[in-house]
Structure formats: C-alpha cells, structure tokens
C-alpha cells in the first residue's frame, strides 16, 4: 500500500490558507472543517507552511491569547516534511514517528496534491489486516 491508495479512498481535498491569515482565522477554519491542521500554500499550490491545532494551543499557552491576532506566517512550521504518492505506508509512518507529527502534505512536482493523516494510515492498516485475515480464513476453509 502506498500514499496514492490512501488518497484514492479518502480524496484529495485539502483545506489551505494564505500566510497572512490570523491564527484566529486559522483556528476558525479548523473548527469549521473539523480538521487538525491546515496547509499554508500559495495560489499555485506551492506549500509554504503547515499549522496544527497543537501549534496554536502551544502559542496561546506560551504568549497568551493576543497571538490569535498575529499572522499565521509567524507561527507556522516552515520546514514542511512532505511525501509523494509513491511513498509506502511504512515510509509514511516512519517519517511521522521520527518527526512527531500527525499530518503530512502530499506533493507532486512541488505542488500540493493531498494530505495524509495518521488516522488515514491506521484505517488503511486495519483494512489491510482484515483483508489478509479474510483471505487466510478462505484458504483454510477451502484447503
């Protein structure tokens, strides 16, 4: 299984925002869409950053609620780790574990084409295990 298989099942829609939006606007988008992160991207799809709900909470805890009026560009992660559609789930889990994040943008030729979460990976792993178990039961029953 690879990232392309995950995107085929979940879709490629990604909520994005511009770097000049405030942290409050980002928080509102997170709540409105019931998601855990937002990719900050240029109009042409080039990823310039990513911000998660955890990032916002950490900044509020550090500096107070006044940070909500600041532009997200000031607080977003700028060194974004991304993946490709050809990457395997093992590669994805390794990167997410090593860097301790739950969301990874999928990029093709420098442009955003999707977003994968740890929840997506877990769902695919469970589906894969269920298929293997069913195949094994079928093999035993007919063997």
N, C-alpha and C. Protein backbone atom coordinates (compact mmCIF):
# COMPACT_ATOMS: atom_id res chain seq x y z
N UNK A 1 0.83 -1.19 0.00
CA UNK A 1 0.00 0.00 0.00
C UNK A 1 0.88 1.25 0.00
N UNK A 2 0.41 2.23 -0.73
CA UNK A 2 1.16 3.49 -0.77
C UNK A 2 0.23 4.69 -0.59
N UNK A 3 0.81 5.86 -0.62
CA UNK A 3 0.06 7.09 -0.39
C UNK A 3 -1.03 7.28 -1.45
N UNK A 4 -0.75 6.91 -2.69
CA UNK A 4 -1.76 7.03 -3.75
C UNK A 4 -3.02 6.25 -3.41
N UNK A 5 -2.86 5.06 -2.81
CA UNK A 5 -4.02 4.24 -2.43
C UNK A 5 -4.84 4.94 -1.34
N UNK A 6 -4.16 5.58 -0.41
CA UNK A 6 -4.87 6.31 0.65
C UNK A 6 -5.67 7.45 0.04
N UNK A 7 -5.03 8.22 -0.85
CA UNK A 7 -5.71 9.37 -1.46
C UNK A 7 -6.88 8.93 -2.34
N UNK A 8 -6.74 7.76 -2.96
CA UNK A 8 -7.83 7.25 -3.80
C UNK A 8 -9.08 7.00 -2.96
N UNK A 9 -8.89 6.51 -1.74
CA UNK A 9 -10.02 6.23 -0.86
C UNK A 9 -10.56 7.48 -0.18
N UNK A 10 -9.68 8.35 0.30
CA UNK A 10 -10.14 9.49 1.10
C UNK A 10 -10.39 10.75 0.28
N UNK A 11 -9.80 10.83 -0.89
CA UNK A 11 -9.94 12.02 -1.71
C UNK A 11 -8.73 12.93 -1.57
N UNK A 12 -8.69 13.94 -2.40
CA UNK A 12 -7.53 14.82 -2.47
C UNK A 12 -7.79 16.22 -1.94
N UNK A 13 -8.98 16.46 -1.46
CA UNK A 13 -9.32 17.81 -0.98
C UNK A 13 -8.48 18.16 0.25
N UNK A 14 -7.91 19.35 0.22
CA UNK A 14 -7.10 19.84 1.33
C UNK A 14 -7.52 21.28 1.63
N UNK A 15 -7.77 21.55 2.90
CA UNK A 15 -8.08 22.92 3.31
C UNK A 15 -6.75 23.66 3.39
N UNK A 16 -6.66 24.76 2.67
CA UNK A 16 -5.44 25.57 2.68
C UNK A 16 -5.78 26.99 3.10
N UNK A 17 -4.74 27.71 3.45
CA UNK A 17 -4.90 29.11 3.84
C UNK A 17 -3.69 29.88 3.37
N UNK A 18 -3.81 31.20 3.39
CA UNK A 18 -2.68 32.05 3.00
C UNK A 18 -1.91 32.46 4.24
N UNK A 19 -0.63 32.77 4.08
CA UNK A 19 0.22 33.10 5.23
C UNK A 19 -0.18 34.37 5.98
N UNK A 20 -0.97 35.22 5.37
CA UNK A 20 -1.35 36.47 6.04
C UNK A 20 -2.61 36.34 6.90
N UNK A 21 -3.25 35.18 6.90
CA UNK A 21 -4.42 34.97 7.75
C UNK A 21 -3.98 34.94 9.21
N UNK A 22 -4.85 35.39 10.10
CA UNK A 22 -4.51 35.39 11.53
C UNK A 22 -4.66 33.98 12.11
N UNK A 23 -4.02 33.77 13.24
CA UNK A 23 -4.17 32.48 13.93
C UNK A 23 -5.63 32.23 14.31
N UNK A 24 -6.36 33.30 14.65
CA UNK A 24 -7.78 33.15 14.96
C UNK A 24 -8.55 32.65 13.74
N UNK A 25 -8.28 33.21 12.58
CA UNK A 25 -8.95 32.75 11.36
C UNK A 25 -8.60 31.28 11.07
N UNK A 26 -7.36 30.92 11.32
CA UNK A 26 -6.94 29.52 11.12
C UNK A 26 -7.69 28.62 12.09
N UNK A 27 -7.77 29.03 13.36
CA UNK A 27 -8.50 28.25 14.36
C UNK A 27 -9.96 28.09 13.97
N UNK A 28 -10.56 29.14 13.42
CA UNK A 28 -11.95 29.07 12.99
C UNK A 28 -12.11 28.08 11.83
N UNK A 29 -11.16 28.09 10.90
CA UNK A 29 -11.20 27.13 9.79
C UNK A 29 -11.07 25.69 10.30
N UNK A 30 -10.18 25.49 11.26
CA UNK A 30 -10.00 24.15 11.84
C UNK A 30 -11.32 23.66 12.44
N UNK A 31 -11.98 24.53 13.20
CA UNK A 31 -13.26 24.17 13.81
C UNK A 31 -14.36 23.96 12.78
N UNK A 32 -14.43 24.84 11.82
CA UNK A 32 -15.46 24.77 10.78
C UNK A 32 -15.37 23.47 9.99
N UNK A 33 -14.15 23.06 9.65
CA UNK A 33 -13.95 21.86 8.84
C UNK A 33 -13.71 20.60 9.67
N UNK A 34 -13.62 20.76 11.00
CA UNK A 34 -13.37 19.65 11.92
C UNK A 34 -12.12 18.87 11.52
N UNK A 35 -11.03 19.63 11.38
CA UNK A 35 -9.76 19.05 10.99
C UNK A 35 -8.67 19.44 11.99
N UNK A 36 -7.52 18.80 11.90
CA UNK A 36 -6.45 19.03 12.85
C UNK A 36 -5.33 19.92 12.38
N UNK A 37 -5.27 20.18 11.07
CA UNK A 37 -4.22 21.07 10.57
C UNK A 37 -4.65 21.72 9.28
N UNK A 38 -3.95 22.77 8.94
CA UNK A 38 -4.18 23.49 7.68
C UNK A 38 -2.84 23.71 7.01
N UNK A 39 -2.82 23.42 5.73
CA UNK A 39 -1.62 23.65 4.93
C UNK A 39 -1.65 25.10 4.46
N UNK A 40 -0.52 25.77 4.62
CA UNK A 40 -0.39 27.14 4.14
C UNK A 40 0.26 27.04 2.76
N UNK A 41 -0.45 27.56 1.76
CA UNK A 41 0.02 27.39 0.38
C UNK A 41 -0.18 28.67 -0.42
N UNK A 42 0.64 28.79 -1.44
CA UNK A 42 0.49 29.88 -2.40
C UNK A 42 -0.63 29.53 -3.37
N UNK A 43 -1.06 30.51 -4.15
CA UNK A 43 -2.14 30.29 -5.11
C UNK A 43 -1.83 29.18 -6.11
N UNK A 44 -0.56 28.99 -6.42
CA UNK A 44 -0.17 27.97 -7.40
C UNK A 44 -0.02 26.58 -6.78
N UNK A 45 -0.33 26.43 -5.48
CA UNK A 45 -0.27 25.14 -4.83
C UNK A 45 1.06 24.82 -4.16
N UNK A 46 2.01 25.73 -4.20
CA UNK A 46 3.29 25.50 -3.53
C UNK A 46 3.11 25.63 -2.02
N UNK A 47 3.52 24.60 -1.29
CA UNK A 47 3.38 24.58 0.17
C UNK A 47 4.44 25.48 0.79
N UNK A 48 3.99 26.41 1.64
CA UNK A 48 4.94 27.30 2.32
C UNK A 48 4.97 27.07 3.83
N UNK A 49 4.00 26.30 4.33
CA UNK A 49 3.97 26.02 5.76
C UNK A 49 2.81 25.12 6.12
N UNK A 50 2.76 24.78 7.41
CA UNK A 50 1.66 23.99 7.93
C UNK A 50 1.46 24.40 9.39
N UNK A 51 0.21 24.40 9.82
CA UNK A 51 -0.08 24.75 11.21
C UNK A 51 -1.16 23.81 11.72
N UNK A 52 -0.94 23.31 12.93
CA UNK A 52 -1.89 22.38 13.53
C UNK A 52 -2.57 23.02 14.73
N UNK A 53 -3.61 22.36 15.19
CA UNK A 53 -4.29 22.83 16.39
C UNK A 53 -3.34 22.84 17.57
N UNK A 54 -2.44 21.86 17.62
CA UNK A 54 -1.45 21.82 18.70
C UNK A 54 -0.53 23.04 18.66
N UNK A 55 -0.13 23.44 17.46
CA UNK A 55 0.73 24.63 17.31
C UNK A 55 0.05 25.86 17.91
N UNK A 56 -1.23 26.01 17.62
CA UNK A 56 -1.97 27.18 18.10
C UNK A 56 -2.09 27.14 19.62
N UNK A 57 -2.42 25.99 20.16
CA UNK A 57 -2.55 25.87 21.62
C UNK A 57 -1.21 26.17 22.31
N UNK A 58 -0.12 25.65 21.77
CA UNK A 58 1.21 25.92 22.35
C UNK A 58 1.52 27.41 22.37
N UNK A 59 1.19 28.11 21.29
CA UNK A 59 1.47 29.55 21.22
C UNK A 59 0.61 30.34 22.20
N UNK A 60 -0.64 29.96 22.34
CA UNK A 60 -1.51 30.63 23.32
C UNK A 60 -0.97 30.40 24.72
N UNK A 61 -0.55 29.17 25.01
CA UNK A 61 0.00 28.85 26.34
C UNK A 61 1.29 29.62 26.60
N UNK A 62 2.09 29.81 25.56
CA UNK A 62 3.38 30.49 25.69
C UNK A 62 3.22 32.00 25.85
N UNK A 63 2.37 32.59 25.00
CA UNK A 63 2.34 34.05 24.93
C UNK A 63 0.98 34.68 25.20
N UNK A 64 -0.04 33.89 25.40
CA UNK A 64 -1.36 34.45 25.67
C UNK A 64 -2.22 34.56 24.42
N UNK A 65 -3.47 34.88 24.63
CA UNK A 65 -4.46 34.92 23.56
C UNK A 65 -4.19 36.00 22.51
N UNK A 66 -3.35 36.97 22.83
CA UNK A 66 -3.07 38.04 21.86
C UNK A 66 -2.42 37.50 20.59
N UNK A 67 -1.79 36.33 20.64
CA UNK A 67 -1.17 35.76 19.43
C UNK A 67 -2.21 35.42 18.38
N UNK A 68 -3.46 35.29 18.79
CA UNK A 68 -4.51 34.95 17.83
C UNK A 68 -4.70 36.02 16.76
N UNK A 69 -4.28 37.23 17.06
CA UNK A 69 -4.41 38.32 16.08
C UNK A 69 -3.21 38.38 15.13
N UNK A 70 -2.18 37.63 15.41
CA UNK A 70 -0.96 37.64 14.60
C UNK A 70 -1.15 36.80 13.34
N UNK A 71 -0.37 37.09 12.28
CA UNK A 71 -0.45 36.28 11.06
C UNK A 71 0.13 34.88 11.30
N UNK A 72 -0.50 33.90 10.68
CA UNK A 72 -0.07 32.51 10.83
C UNK A 72 1.37 32.32 10.36
N UNK A 73 1.81 33.12 9.42
CA UNK A 73 3.17 33.03 8.89
C UNK A 73 4.22 33.08 10.00
N UNK A 74 3.91 33.81 11.06
CA UNK A 74 4.84 33.95 12.18
C UNK A 74 4.99 32.67 13.00
N UNK A 75 3.99 31.81 12.97
CA UNK A 75 3.94 30.65 13.85
C UNK A 75 3.90 29.30 13.13
N UNK A 76 3.68 29.31 11.84
CA UNK A 76 3.56 28.05 11.12
C UNK A 76 4.92 27.35 11.04
N UNK A 77 4.88 26.05 10.84
CA UNK A 77 6.09 25.29 10.57
C UNK A 77 6.46 25.55 9.12
N UNK A 78 7.64 26.09 8.90
CA UNK A 78 8.05 26.44 7.54
C UNK A 78 8.83 25.32 6.86
N UNK A 79 9.52 24.52 7.63
CA UNK A 79 10.27 23.38 7.07
C UNK A 79 9.32 22.18 7.03
N UNK A 80 8.44 22.18 6.06
CA UNK A 80 7.39 21.17 5.97
C UNK A 80 7.96 19.87 5.39
N UNK A 81 7.72 18.78 6.10
CA UNK A 81 8.10 17.46 5.61
C UNK A 81 6.90 16.94 4.83
N UNK A 82 7.12 16.59 3.58
CA UNK A 82 6.03 16.11 2.75
C UNK A 82 6.37 14.72 2.21
N UNK A 83 5.40 14.12 1.55
CA UNK A 83 5.62 12.81 0.95
C UNK A 83 5.15 12.84 -0.50
N UNK A 84 5.42 11.74 -1.18
CA UNK A 84 4.97 11.57 -2.57
C UNK A 84 3.94 10.45 -2.63
N UNK A 85 3.18 10.42 -3.68
CA UNK A 85 2.15 9.39 -3.83
C UNK A 85 2.75 7.99 -3.89
N UNK A 86 3.97 7.87 -4.33
CA UNK A 86 4.62 6.56 -4.44
C UNK A 86 5.19 6.07 -3.11
N UNK A 87 5.23 6.91 -2.09
CA UNK A 87 5.76 6.50 -0.79
C UNK A 87 4.86 5.43 -0.16
N UNK A 88 5.49 4.48 0.52
CA UNK A 88 4.74 3.41 1.17
C UNK A 88 4.21 3.86 2.53
N UNK A 89 3.29 3.09 3.05
CA UNK A 89 2.75 3.41 4.38
C UNK A 89 3.84 3.26 5.43
N UNK A 90 4.75 2.32 5.25
CA UNK A 90 5.86 2.17 6.20
C UNK A 90 6.74 3.42 6.20
N UNK A 91 7.02 3.97 5.01
CA UNK A 91 7.82 5.21 4.93
C UNK A 91 7.08 6.36 5.63
N UNK A 92 5.79 6.44 5.38
CA UNK A 92 4.96 7.48 5.97
C UNK A 92 4.96 7.39 7.49
N UNK A 93 4.72 6.18 8.02
CA UNK A 93 4.71 6.00 9.47
C UNK A 93 6.07 6.31 10.07
N UNK A 94 7.14 5.95 9.37
CA UNK A 94 8.48 6.24 9.85
C UNK A 94 8.72 7.73 9.98
N UNK A 95 8.34 8.48 8.96
CA UNK A 95 8.51 9.94 8.98
C UNK A 95 7.65 10.58 10.07
N UNK A 96 6.40 10.16 10.16
CA UNK A 96 5.50 10.74 11.16
C UNK A 96 6.00 10.45 12.58
N UNK A 97 6.50 9.26 12.78
CA UNK A 97 7.02 8.89 14.10
C UNK A 97 8.31 9.65 14.41
N UNK A 98 9.22 9.69 13.45
CA UNK A 98 10.51 10.36 13.66
C UNK A 98 10.35 11.84 13.95
N UNK A 99 9.42 12.50 13.25
CA UNK A 99 9.25 13.95 13.39
C UNK A 99 8.13 14.33 14.37
N UNK A 100 7.40 13.33 14.84
CA UNK A 100 6.34 13.52 15.83
C UNK A 100 5.22 14.46 15.36
N UNK A 101 4.70 14.20 14.16
CA UNK A 101 3.53 14.93 13.69
C UNK A 101 2.50 13.96 13.14
N UNK A 102 1.28 14.46 12.97
CA UNK A 102 0.16 13.60 12.59
C UNK A 102 -0.37 13.85 11.19
N UNK A 103 0.15 14.83 10.50
CA UNK A 103 -0.34 15.17 9.16
C UNK A 103 0.85 15.40 8.24
N UNK A 104 0.71 14.93 6.99
CA UNK A 104 1.79 15.12 6.03
C UNK A 104 1.20 15.49 4.66
N UNK A 105 1.59 16.65 4.14
CA UNK A 105 1.14 17.03 2.80
C UNK A 105 1.73 16.09 1.75
N UNK A 106 0.96 15.82 0.72
CA UNK A 106 1.42 15.02 -0.40
C UNK A 106 1.71 16.00 -1.54
N UNK A 107 2.93 15.94 -2.05
CA UNK A 107 3.37 16.91 -3.05
C UNK A 107 3.82 16.17 -4.32
N UNK A 108 3.45 16.73 -5.46
CA UNK A 108 3.88 16.22 -6.76
C UNK A 108 4.38 17.39 -7.58
N UNK A 109 5.63 17.31 -8.02
CA UNK A 109 6.27 18.38 -8.81
C UNK A 109 6.18 19.73 -8.09
N UNK A 110 6.36 19.69 -6.78
CA UNK A 110 6.37 20.91 -6.00
C UNK A 110 5.01 21.49 -5.66
N UNK A 111 3.94 20.79 -6.00
CA UNK A 111 2.59 21.30 -5.77
C UNK A 111 1.80 20.34 -4.87
N UNK A 112 0.96 20.90 -4.03
CA UNK A 112 0.12 20.14 -3.12
C UNK A 112 -0.93 19.34 -3.88
N UNK A 113 -1.00 18.02 -3.62
CA UNK A 113 -2.00 17.18 -4.28
C UNK A 113 -2.86 16.40 -3.29
N UNK A 114 -2.55 16.53 -1.99
CA UNK A 114 -3.34 15.83 -0.99
C UNK A 114 -2.74 16.00 0.40
N UNK A 115 -3.38 15.39 1.37
CA UNK A 115 -2.91 15.43 2.76
C UNK A 115 -3.25 14.09 3.39
N UNK A 116 -2.28 13.51 4.09
CA UNK A 116 -2.49 12.23 4.74
C UNK A 116 -2.30 12.40 6.25
N UNK A 117 -3.20 11.82 7.02
CA UNK A 117 -3.09 11.88 8.48
C UNK A 117 -2.74 10.50 9.03
N UNK A 118 -2.30 10.46 10.26
CA UNK A 118 -2.00 9.19 10.90
C UNK A 118 -3.27 8.34 10.98
N UNK A 119 -4.42 8.99 11.13
CA UNK A 119 -5.70 8.26 11.13
C UNK A 119 -5.95 7.55 9.81
N UNK A 120 -5.59 8.21 8.70
CA UNK A 120 -5.73 7.58 7.38
C UNK A 120 -4.86 6.33 7.29
N UNK A 121 -3.65 6.43 7.79
CA UNK A 121 -2.71 5.30 7.75
C UNK A 121 -3.24 4.15 8.60
N UNK A 122 -3.73 4.46 9.79
CA UNK A 122 -4.26 3.43 10.68
C UNK A 122 -5.46 2.74 10.02
N UNK A 123 -6.36 3.52 9.42
CA UNK A 123 -7.52 2.92 8.73
C UNK A 123 -7.08 1.97 7.63
N UNK A 124 -6.07 2.36 6.86
CA UNK A 124 -5.58 1.50 5.78
C UNK A 124 -4.94 0.24 6.33
N UNK A 125 -4.19 0.37 7.42
CA UNK A 125 -3.56 -0.80 8.04
C UNK A 125 -4.62 -1.78 8.54
N UNK A 126 -5.67 -1.26 9.15
CA UNK A 126 -6.74 -2.13 9.65
C UNK A 126 -7.43 -2.83 8.48
N UNK A 127 -7.73 -2.09 7.43
CA UNK A 127 -8.37 -2.67 6.25
C UNK A 127 -7.48 -3.76 5.64
N UNK A 128 -6.20 -3.49 5.58
CA UNK A 128 -5.24 -4.45 5.03
C UNK A 128 -5.22 -5.72 5.90
N UNK A 129 -5.20 -5.58 7.21
CA UNK A 129 -5.19 -6.73 8.12
C UNK A 129 -6.48 -7.53 8.01
N UNK A 130 -7.62 -6.84 7.86
CA UNK A 130 -8.89 -7.53 7.71
C UNK A 130 -8.94 -8.32 6.41
N UNK A 131 -8.39 -7.75 5.33
CA UNK A 131 -8.35 -8.46 4.05
C UNK A 131 -7.46 -9.70 4.15
N UNK A 132 -6.32 -9.57 4.80
CA UNK A 132 -5.42 -10.72 4.97
C UNK A 132 -6.08 -11.81 5.80
N UNK A 133 -6.78 -11.42 6.87
CA UNK A 133 -7.46 -12.40 7.72
C UNK A 133 -8.56 -13.12 6.94
N UNK A 134 -9.31 -12.38 6.14
CA UNK A 134 -10.38 -12.98 5.33
C UNK A 134 -9.79 -13.95 4.30
N UNK A 135 -8.68 -13.57 3.68
CA UNK A 135 -8.03 -14.44 2.71
C UNK A 135 -7.52 -15.71 3.38
N UNK A 136 -6.97 -15.57 4.58
CA UNK A 136 -6.48 -16.73 5.32
C UNK A 136 -7.64 -17.66 5.70
N UNK A 137 -8.76 -17.10 6.16
CA UNK A 137 -9.93 -17.92 6.51
C UNK A 137 -10.45 -18.66 5.27
N UNK A 138 -10.49 -17.97 4.15
CA UNK A 138 -10.93 -18.58 2.90
C UNK A 138 -9.99 -19.72 2.48
N UNK A 139 -8.70 -19.49 2.62
CA UNK A 139 -7.70 -20.50 2.27
C UNK A 139 -7.87 -21.74 3.15
N UNK A 140 -8.06 -21.53 4.45
CA UNK A 140 -8.22 -22.64 5.39
C UNK A 140 -9.52 -23.40 5.10
N UNK A 141 -10.58 -22.66 4.82
CA UNK A 141 -11.89 -23.28 4.58
C UNK A 141 -11.91 -24.11 3.30
N UNK A 142 -11.17 -23.69 2.30
CA UNK A 142 -11.20 -24.40 1.01
C UNK A 142 -10.01 -25.34 0.82
N UNK A 143 -9.02 -25.26 1.72
CA UNK A 143 -7.79 -26.05 1.58
C UNK A 143 -7.93 -27.38 2.15
